Amino acid sequence: NTYQQYLAAKELKKQSWRYHRKYNTWFQRHDEPKVATDEYEQGTYVYFDFHVANDDLRTGQPQGWCQRIKTDFTFEYNYLEDELNA
């Protein structure tokens, strides 16, 4: 909820990333959806995994972000965050 987060979200949206409120992370289509309805779309997506990137050797805690691919993922539009709050 900082101004820096707002700017980062704005830039991600420019690059066709979409925020998923249920998983609290950003998704981007890897290719065109195999199925698309009024309620959801299904296909392959790239997403940011913030749980696993690089472990901090001192604490053993995960640090940073990495990108992963999720196949046959159903992106339900009701979890899409569409508003940017400054």
PDB file of N, CA and C in Angstrom:
ATOM      1  N   ASN A   1       0.820  -1.210   0.000  1.00  0.00           N
ATOM      2  CA  ASN A   1       0.000   0.000   0.000  1.00  0.00           C
ATOM      3  C   ASN A   1       0.856   1.263   0.000  1.00  0.00           C
ATOM      4  N   THR A   2       2.090   1.144  -0.490  1.00  0.00           N
ATOM      5  CA  THR A   2       2.949   2.317  -0.587  1.00  0.00           C
ATOM      6  C   THR A   2       2.895   2.867  -2.004  1.00  0.00           C
ATOM      7  N   TYR A   3       3.411   4.064  -2.153  1.00  0.00           N
ATOM      8  CA  TYR A   3       3.457   4.665  -3.486  1.00  0.00           C
ATOM      9  C   TYR A   3       4.334   3.828  -4.420  1.00  0.00           C
ATOM     10  N   GLN A   4       5.421   3.249  -3.881  1.00  0.00           N
ATOM     11  CA  GLN A   4       6.288   2.402  -4.691  1.00  0.00           C
ATOM     12  C   GLN A   4       5.543   1.159  -5.175  1.00  0.00           C
ATOM     13  N   GLN A   5       4.709   0.578  -4.326  1.00  0.00           N
ATOM     14  CA  GLN A   5       3.908  -0.581  -4.732  1.00  0.00           C
ATOM     15  C   GLN A   5       2.901  -0.188  -5.808  1.00  0.00           C
ATOM     16  N   TYR A   6       2.327   0.996  -5.668  1.00  0.00           N
ATOM     17  CA  TYR A   6       1.404   1.497  -6.676  1.00  0.00           C
ATOM     18  C   TYR A   6       2.105   1.622  -8.032  1.00  0.00           C
ATOM     19  N   LEU A   7       3.310   2.204  -8.030  1.00  0.00           N
ATOM     20  CA  LEU A   7       4.058   2.361  -9.280  1.00  0.00           C
ATOM     21  C   LEU A   7       4.438   1.011  -9.875  1.00  0.00           C
ATOM     22  N   ALA A   8       4.833   0.071  -9.034  1.00  0.00           N
ATOM     23  CA  ALA A   8       5.173  -1.273  -9.517  1.00  0.00           C
ATOM     24  C   ALA A   8       3.947  -1.946 -10.123  1.00  0.00           C
ATOM     25  N   ALA A   9       2.798  -1.839  -9.458  1.00  0.00           N
ATOM     26  CA  ALA A   9       1.563  -2.441  -9.974  1.00  0.00           C
ATOM     27  C   ALA A   9       1.165  -1.800 -11.294  1.00  0.00           C
ATOM     28  N   LYS A  10       1.313  -0.510 -11.397  1.00  0.00           N
ATOM     29  CA  LYS A  10       0.980   0.197 -12.627  1.00  0.00           C
ATOM     30  C   LYS A  10       1.849  -0.310 -13.787  1.00  0.00           C
ATOM     31  N   GLU A  11       3.134  -0.504 -13.530  1.00  0.00           N
ATOM     32  CA  GLU A  11       4.046  -1.001 -14.565  1.00  0.00           C
ATOM     33  C   GLU A  11       3.730  -2.447 -14.942  1.00  0.00           C
ATOM     34  N   LEU A  12       3.428  -3.278 -13.948  1.00  0.00           N
ATOM     35  CA  LEU A  12       3.059  -4.665 -14.236  1.00  0.00           C
ATOM     36  C   LEU A  12       1.801  -4.724 -15.097  1.00  0.00           C
ATOM     37  N   LYS A  13       0.819  -3.894 -14.779  1.00  0.00           N
ATOM     38  CA  LYS A  13      -0.415  -3.877 -15.577  1.00  0.00           C
ATOM     39  C   LYS A  13      -0.142  -3.441 -17.009  1.00  0.00           C
ATOM     40  N   LYS A  14       0.790  -2.509 -17.204  1.00  0.00           N
ATOM     41  CA  LYS A  14       1.162  -2.083 -18.555  1.00  0.00           C
ATOM     42  C   LYS A  14       1.711  -3.263 -19.364  1.00  0.00           C
ATOM     43  N   GLN A  15       2.347  -4.190 -18.668  1.00  0.00           N
ATOM     44  CA  GLN A  15       2.967  -5.342 -19.328  1.00  0.00           C
ATOM     45  C   GLN A  15       2.059  -6.574 -19.300  1.00  0.00           C
ATOM     46  N   SER A  16       0.763  -6.353 -19.129  1.00  0.00           N
ATOM     47  CA  SER A  16      -0.286  -7.388 -19.187  1.00  0.00           C
ATOM     48  C   SER A  16      -0.240  -8.395 -18.037  1.00  0.00           C
ATOM     49  N   TRP A  17       0.306  -8.008 -16.904  1.00  0.00           N
ATOM     50  CA  TRP A  17       0.229  -8.842 -15.708  1.00  0.00           C
ATOM     51  C   TRP A  17      -1.080  -8.510 -15.014  1.00  0.00           C
ATOM     52  N   ARG A  18      -1.683  -9.529 -14.358  1.00  0.00           N
ATOM     53  CA  ARG A  18      -2.951  -9.334 -13.648  1.00  0.00           C
ATOM     54  C   ARG A  18      -2.809  -9.903 -12.239  1.00  0.00           C
ATOM     55  N   TYR A  19      -3.325  -9.152 -11.273  1.00  0.00           N
ATOM     56  CA  TYR A  19      -3.204  -9.568  -9.874  1.00  0.00           C
ATOM     57  C   TYR A  19      -4.375 -10.458  -9.487  1.00  0.00           C
ATOM     58  N   HIS A  20      -4.065 -11.612  -8.888  1.00  0.00           N
ATOM     59  CA  HIS A  20      -5.065 -12.588  -8.453  1.00  0.00           C
ATOM     60  C   HIS A  20      -5.205 -12.480  -6.933  1.00  0.00           C
ATOM     61  N   ARG A  21      -6.366 -12.037  -6.465  1.00  0.00           N
ATOM     62  CA  ARG A  21      -6.562 -11.793  -5.031  1.00  0.00           C
ATOM     63  C   ARG A  21      -6.560 -13.068  -4.198  1.00  0.00           C
ATOM     64  N   LYS A  22      -7.016 -14.188  -4.735  1.00  0.00           N
ATOM     65  CA  LYS A  22      -7.034 -15.430  -3.956  1.00  0.00           C
ATOM     66  C   LYS A  22      -5.616 -15.918  -3.664  1.00  0.00           C
ATOM     67  N   TYR A  23      -4.730 -15.826  -4.657  1.00  0.00           N
ATOM     68  CA  TYR A  23      -3.359 -16.307  -4.502  1.00  0.00           C
ATOM     69  C   TYR A  23      -2.370 -15.193  -4.165  1.00  0.00           C
ATOM     70  N   ASN A  24      -2.857 -13.952  -4.133  1.00  0.00           N
ATOM     71  CA  ASN A  24      -2.026 -12.798  -3.786  1.00  0.00           C
ATOM     72  C   ASN A  24      -0.730 -12.741  -4.581  1.00  0.00           C
ATOM     73  N   THR A  25      -0.863 -12.925  -5.878  1.00  0.00           N
ATOM     74  CA  THR A  25       0.312 -12.825  -6.739  1.00  0.00           C
ATOM     75  C   THR A  25      -0.101 -12.403  -8.142  1.00  0.00           C
ATOM     76  N   TRP A  26       0.890 -12.104  -8.958  1.00  0.00           N
ATOM     77  CA  TRP A  26       0.679 -11.615 -10.319  1.00  0.00           C
ATOM     78  C   TRP A  26       0.763 -12.755 -11.315  1.00  0.00           C
ATOM     79  N   PHE A  27      -0.163 -12.764 -12.284  1.00  0.00           N
ATOM     80  CA  PHE A  27      -0.210 -13.761 -13.349  1.00  0.00           C
ATOM     81  C   PHE A  27      -0.178 -13.053 -14.701  1.00  0.00           C
ATOM     82  N   GLN A  28       0.406 -13.730 -15.682  1.00  0.00           N
ATOM     83  CA  GLN A  28       0.396 -13.255 -17.060  1.00  0.00           C
ATOM     84  C   GLN A  28       0.154 -14.454 -17.966  1.00  0.00           C
ATOM     85  N   ARG A  29      -0.643 -14.261 -18.997  1.00  0.00           N
ATOM     86  CA  ARG A  29      -0.880 -15.356 -19.949  1.00  0.00           C
ATOM     87  C   ARG A  29       0.440 -15.775 -20.589  1.00  0.00           C
ATOM     88  N   HIS A  30       0.681 -17.072 -20.648  1.00  0.00           N
ATOM     89  CA  HIS A  30       1.843 -17.600 -21.353  1.00  0.00           C
ATOM     90  C   HIS A  30       1.500 -17.757 -22.831  1.00  0.00           C
ATOM     91  N   ASP A  31       0.253 -18.097 -23.104  1.00  0.00           N
ATOM     92  CA  ASP A  31      -0.287 -18.159 -24.458  1.00  0.00           C
ATOM     93  C   ASP A  31      -1.784 -17.888 -24.378  1.00  0.00           C
ATOM     94  N   GLU A  32      -2.446 -17.919 -25.482  1.00  0.00           N
ATOM     95  CA  GLU A  32      -3.884 -17.644 -25.480  1.00  0.00           C
ATOM     96  C   GLU A  32      -4.622 -18.721 -24.678  1.00  0.00           C
ATOM     97  N   PRO A  33      -5.674 -18.342 -23.935  1.00  0.00           N
ATOM     98  CA  PRO A  33      -6.422 -19.321 -23.140  1.00  0.00           C
ATOM     99  C   PRO A  33      -7.039 -20.400 -24.028  1.00  0.00           C
ATOM    100  N   LYS A  34      -7.083 -21.614 -23.492  1.00  0.00           N
ATOM    101  CA  LYS A  34      -7.729 -22.718 -24.208  1.00  0.00           C
ATOM    102  C   LYS A  34      -9.240 -22.622 -24.083  1.00  0.00           C
ATOM    103  N   VAL A  35      -9.709 -22.081 -22.948  1.00  0.00           N
ATOM    104  CA  VAL A  35     -11.131 -21.902 -22.686  1.00  0.00           C
ATOM    105  C   VAL A  35     -11.310 -20.489 -22.140  1.00  0.00           C
ATOM    106  N   ALA A  36     -12.339 -19.801 -22.583  1.00  0.00           N
ATOM    107  CA  ALA A  36     -12.664 -18.474 -22.051  1.00  0.00           C
ATOM    108  C   ALA A  36     -14.183 -18.344 -21.984  1.00  0.00           C
ATOM    109  N   THR A  37     -14.684 -18.018 -20.789  1.00  0.00           N
ATOM    110  CA  THR A  37     -16.111 -17.786 -20.592  1.00  0.00           C
ATOM    111  C   THR A  37     -16.281 -16.414 -19.954  1.00  0.00           C
ATOM    112  N   ASP A  38     -17.495 -16.076 -19.590  1.00  0.00           N
ATOM    113  CA  ASP A  38     -17.736 -14.811 -18.895  1.00  0.00           C
ATOM    114  C   ASP A  38     -17.211 -14.837 -17.466  1.00  0.00           C
ATOM    115  N   GLU A  39     -17.050 -16.030 -16.884  1.00  0.00           N
ATOM    116  CA  GLU A  39     -16.640 -16.157 -15.484  1.00  0.00           C
ATOM    117  C   GLU A  39     -15.159 -16.482 -15.297  1.00  0.00           C
ATOM    118  N   TYR A  40     -14.513 -17.117 -16.281  1.00  0.00           N
ATOM    119  CA  TYR A  40     -13.119 -17.539 -16.110  1.00  0.00           C
ATOM    120  C   TYR A  40     -12.463 -17.792 -17.460  1.00  0.00           C
ATOM    121  N   GLU A  41     -11.146 -17.952 -17.406  1.00  0.00           N
ATOM    122  CA  GLU A  41     -10.402 -18.446 -18.559  1.00  0.00           C
ATOM    123  C   GLU A  41      -9.427 -19.503 -18.051  1.00  0.00           C
ATOM    124  N   GLN A  42      -9.079 -20.425 -18.930  1.00  0.00           N
ATOM    125  CA  GLN A  42      -8.210 -21.529 -18.531  1.00  0.00           C
ATOM    126  C   GLN A  42      -7.104 -21.684 -19.563  1.00  0.00           C
ATOM    127  N   GLY A  43      -5.880 -21.869 -19.073  1.00  0.00           N
ATOM    128  CA  GLY A  43      -4.748 -22.039 -19.971  1.00  0.00           C
ATOM    129  C   GLY A  43      -3.445 -22.080 -19.186  1.00  0.00           C
ATOM    130  N   THR A  44      -2.374 -21.679 -19.858  1.00  0.00           N
ATOM    131  CA  THR A  44      -1.044 -21.679 -19.248  1.00  0.00           C
ATOM    132  C   THR A  44      -0.663 -20.248 -18.898  1.00  0.00           C
ATOM    133  N   TYR A  45      -0.190 -20.051 -17.668  1.00  0.00           N
ATOM    134  CA  TYR A  45       0.148 -18.728 -17.148  1.00  0.00           C
ATOM    135  C   TYR A  45       1.532 -18.735 -16.515  1.00  0.00           C
ATOM    136  N   VAL A  46       2.183 -17.593 -16.587  1.00  0.00           N
ATOM    137  CA  VAL A  46       3.405 -17.352 -15.828  1.00  0.00           C
ATOM    138  C   VAL A  46       2.961 -16.613 -14.573  1.00  0.00           C
ATOM    139  N   TYR A  47       3.585 -16.932 -13.432  1.00  0.00           N
ATOM    140  CA  TYR A  47       3.229 -16.216 -12.204  1.00  0.00           C
ATOM    141  C   TYR A  47       4.466 -16.000 -11.352  1.00  0.00           C
ATOM    142  N   PHE A  48       4.397 -15.022 -10.456  1.00  0.00           N
ATOM    143  CA  PHE A  48       5.471 -14.754  -9.513  1.00  0.00           C
ATOM    144  C   PHE A  48       5.275 -15.628  -8.285  1.00  0.00           C
ATOM    145  N   ASP A  49       6.293 -16.428  -7.974  1.00  0.00           N
ATOM    146  CA  ASP A  49       6.280 -17.233  -6.754  1.00  0.00           C
ATOM    147  C   ASP A  49       7.171 -16.533  -5.742  1.00  0.00           C
ATOM    148  N   PHE A  50       6.556 -15.995  -4.703  1.00  0.00           N
ATOM    149  CA  PHE A  50       7.314 -15.250  -3.707  1.00  0.00           C
ATOM    150  C   PHE A  50       7.681 -16.105  -2.507  1.00  0.00           C
ATOM    151  N   HIS A  51       7.377 -17.388  -2.527  1.00  0.00           N
ATOM    152  CA  HIS A  51       7.646 -18.256  -1.385  1.00  0.00           C
ATOM    153  C   HIS A  51       8.998 -18.965  -1.455  1.00  0.00           C
ATOM    154  N   VAL A  52       9.549 -19.176  -2.648  1.00  0.00           N
ATOM    155  CA  VAL A  52      10.617 -20.159  -2.782  1.00  0.00           C
ATOM    156  C   VAL A  52      11.935 -19.628  -3.323  1.00  0.00           C
ATOM    157  N   ALA A  53      12.026 -18.441  -3.814  1.00  0.00           N
ATOM    158  CA  ALA A  53      13.169 -18.005  -4.622  1.00  0.00           C
ATOM    159  C   ALA A  53      14.531 -18.441  -4.089  1.00  0.00           C
ATOM    160  N   ASN A  54      15.231 -17.620  -3.372  1.00  0.00           N
ATOM    161  CA  ASN A  54      16.562 -17.946  -2.853  1.00  0.00           C
ATOM    162  C   ASN A  54      16.536 -17.907  -1.339  1.00  0.00           C
ATOM    163  N   ASP A  55      16.957 -18.977  -0.696  1.00  0.00           N
ATOM    164  CA  ASP A  55      16.984 -18.998   0.760  1.00  0.00           C
ATOM    165  C   ASP A  55      18.121 -18.135   1.294  1.00  0.00           C
ATOM    166  N   ASP A  56      17.836 -17.384   2.333  1.00  0.00           N
ATOM    167  CA  ASP A  56      18.851 -16.627   3.042  1.00  0.00           C
ATOM    168  C   ASP A  56      19.665 -17.619   3.863  1.00  0.00           C
ATOM    169  N   LEU A  57      20.958 -17.693   3.608  1.00  0.00           N
ATOM    170  CA  LEU A  57      21.804 -18.687   4.277  1.00  0.00           C
ATOM    171  C   LEU A  57      21.868 -18.482   5.787  1.00  0.00           C
ATOM    172  N   ARG A  58      21.708 -17.243   6.261  1.00  0.00           N
ATOM    173  CA  ARG A  58      21.777 -16.982   7.700  1.00  0.00           C
ATOM    174  C   ARG A  58      20.529 -17.452   8.432  1.00  0.00           C
ATOM    175  N   THR A  59      19.363 -17.219   7.828  1.00  0.00           N
ATOM    176  CA  THR A  59      18.115 -17.507   8.538  1.00  0.00           C
ATOM    177  C   THR A  59      17.371 -18.714   7.983  1.00  0.00           C
ATOM    178  N   GLY A  60      17.727 -19.138   6.763  1.00  0.00           N
ATOM    179  CA  GLY A  60      16.993 -20.233   6.130  1.00  0.00           C
ATOM    180  C   GLY A  60      15.644 -19.806   5.573  1.00  0.00           C
ATOM    181  N   GLN A  61      15.351 -18.510   5.646  1.00  0.00           N
ATOM    182  CA  GLN A  61      14.072 -17.985   5.167  1.00  0.00           C
ATOM    183  C   GLN A  61      14.143 -17.700   3.669  1.00  0.00           C
ATOM    184  N   PRO A  62      13.053 -17.964   2.936  1.00  0.00           N
ATOM    185  CA  PRO A  62      13.040 -17.636   1.510  1.00  0.00           C
ATOM    186  C   PRO A  62      13.112 -16.127   1.292  1.00  0.00           C
ATOM    187  N   GLN A  63      13.842 -15.721   0.274  1.00  0.00           N
ATOM    188  CA  GLN A  63      14.007 -14.316  -0.051  1.00  0.00           C
ATOM    189  C   GLN A  63      13.723 -14.110  -1.528  1.00  0.00           C
ATOM    190  N   GLY A  64      13.145 -12.970  -1.886  1.00  0.00           N
ATOM    191  CA  GLY A  64      12.976 -12.610  -3.283  1.00  0.00           C
ATOM    192  C   GLY A  64      11.801 -13.295  -3.961  1.00  0.00           C
ATOM    193  N   TRP A  65      11.805 -13.235  -5.277  1.00  0.00           N
ATOM    194  CA  TRP A  65      10.721 -13.736  -6.112  1.00  0.00           C
ATOM    195  C   TRP A  65      11.316 -14.544  -7.252  1.00  0.00           C
ATOM    196  N   CYS A  66      10.557 -15.447  -7.812  1.00  0.00           N
ATOM    197  CA  CYS A  66      10.947 -16.115  -9.044  1.00  0.00           C
ATOM    198  C   CYS A  66       9.685 -16.331  -9.874  1.00  0.00           C
ATOM    199  N   GLN A  67       9.872 -16.571 -11.171  1.00  0.00           N
ATOM    200  CA  GLN A  67       8.736 -16.815 -12.045  1.00  0.00           C
ATOM    201  C   GLN A  67       8.587 -18.310 -12.281  1.00  0.00           C
ATOM    202  N   ARG A  68       7.349 -18.760 -12.309  1.00  0.00           N
ATOM    203  CA  ARG A  68       7.037 -20.159 -12.575  1.00  0.00           C
ATOM    204  C   ARG A  68       5.920 -20.211 -13.613  1.00  0.00           C
ATOM    205  N   ILE A  69       5.734 -21.383 -14.195  1.00  0.00           N
ATOM    206  CA  ILE A  69       4.662 -21.582 -15.177  1.00  0.00           C
ATOM    207  C   ILE A  69       3.645 -22.555 -14.601  1.00  0.00           C
ATOM    208  N   LYS A  70       2.380 -22.213 -14.753  1.00  0.00           N
ATOM    209  CA  LYS A  70       1.269 -23.057 -14.291  1.00  0.00           C
ATOM    210  C   LYS A  70       0.431 -23.432 -15.512  1.00  0.00           C
ATOM    211  N   THR A  71       0.358 -24.745 -15.802  1.00  0.00           N
ATOM    212  CA  THR A  71      -0.446 -25.200 -16.937  1.00  0.00           C
ATOM    213  C   THR A  71      -1.845 -25.563 -16.457  1.00  0.00           C
ATOM    214  N   ASP A  72      -2.798 -25.519 -17.356  1.00  0.00           N
ATOM    215  CA  ASP A  72      -4.198 -25.847 -17.059  1.00  0.00           C
ATOM    216  C   ASP A  72      -4.716 -25.099 -15.836  1.00  0.00           C
ATOM    217  N   PHE A  73      -4.345 -23.832 -15.723  1.00  0.00           N
ATOM    218  CA  PHE A  73      -4.786 -23.007 -14.605  1.00  0.00           C
ATOM    219  C   PHE A  73      -6.099 -22.329 -14.969  1.00  0.00           C
ATOM    220  N   THR A  74      -7.020 -22.292 -14.026  1.00  0.00           N
ATOM    221  CA  THR A  74      -8.291 -21.593 -14.212  1.00  0.00           C
ATOM    222  C   THR A  74      -8.219 -20.257 -13.480  1.00  0.00           C
ATOM    223  N   PHE A  75      -8.235 -19.176 -14.240  1.00  0.00           N
ATOM    224  CA  PHE A  75      -8.214 -17.832 -13.671  1.00  0.00           C
ATOM    225  C   PHE A  75      -9.654 -17.341 -13.619  1.00  0.00           C
ATOM    226  N   GLU A  76     -10.213 -17.368 -12.418  1.00  0.00           N
ATOM    227  CA  GLU A  76     -11.590 -16.916 -12.219  1.00  0.00           C
ATOM    228  C   GLU A  76     -11.599 -15.387 -12.116  1.00  0.00           C
ATOM    229  N   TYR A  77     -12.401 -14.753 -12.957  1.00  0.00           N
ATOM    230  CA  TYR A  77     -12.401 -13.297 -13.031  1.00  0.00           C
ATOM    231  C   TYR A  77     -12.834 -12.624 -11.729  1.00  0.00           C
ATOM    232  N   ASN A  78     -13.615 -13.316 -10.897  1.00  0.00           N
ATOM    233  CA  ASN A  78     -14.030 -12.676  -9.642  1.00  0.00           C
ATOM    234  C   ASN A  78     -12.849 -12.466  -8.684  1.00  0.00           C
ATOM    235  N   TYR A  79     -11.696 -13.108  -8.941  1.00  0.00           N
ATOM    236  CA  TYR A  79     -10.494 -12.880  -8.130  1.00  0.00           C
ATOM    237  C   TYR A  79      -9.543 -11.876  -8.759  1.00  0.00           C
ATOM    238  N   LEU A  80      -9.922 -11.322  -9.903  1.00  0.00           N
ATOM    239  CA  LEU A  80      -9.081 -10.360 -10.595  1.00  0.00           C
ATOM    240  C   LEU A  80      -9.153  -9.009  -9.888  1.00  0.00           C
ATOM    241  N   GLU A  81      -7.990  -8.489  -9.508  1.00  0.00           N
ATOM    242  CA  GLU A  81      -7.928  -7.131  -8.936  1.00  0.00           C
ATOM    243  C   GLU A  81      -7.770  -6.179 -10.098  1.00  0.00           C
ATOM    244  N   ASP A  82      -8.759  -5.315 -10.289  1.00  0.00           N
ATOM    245  CA  ASP A  82      -8.759  -4.458 -11.453  1.00  0.00           C
ATOM    246  C   ASP A  82      -8.541  -2.990 -11.127  1.00  0.00           C
ATOM    247  N   GLU A  83      -8.459  -2.660  -9.865  1.00  0.00           N
ATOM    248  CA  GLU A  83      -8.317  -1.272  -9.459  1.00  0.00           C
ATOM    249  C   GLU A  83      -6.899  -0.990  -8.976  1.00  0.00           C
ATOM    250  N   LEU A  84      -6.377   0.165  -9.344  1.00  0.00           N
ATOM    251  CA  LEU A  84      -5.107   0.652  -8.800  1.00  0.00           C
ATOM    252  C   LEU A  84      -5.430   1.772  -7.848  1.00  0.00           C
ATOM    253  N   ASN A  85      -4.994   1.657  -6.607  1.00  0.00           N
ATOM    254  CA  ASN A  85      -5.247   2.685  -5.607  1.00  0.00           C
ATOM    255  C   ASN A  85      -3.957   3.424  -5.304  1.00  0.00           C
ATOM    256  N   ALA A  86      -3.961   4.715  -5.541  1.00  0.00           N
ATOM    257  CA  ALA A  86      -2.766   5.517  -5.286  1.00  0.00           C
ATOM    258  C   ALA A  86      -2.685   5.912  -3.840  1.00  0.00           C
TER     259      ALA A  86
END
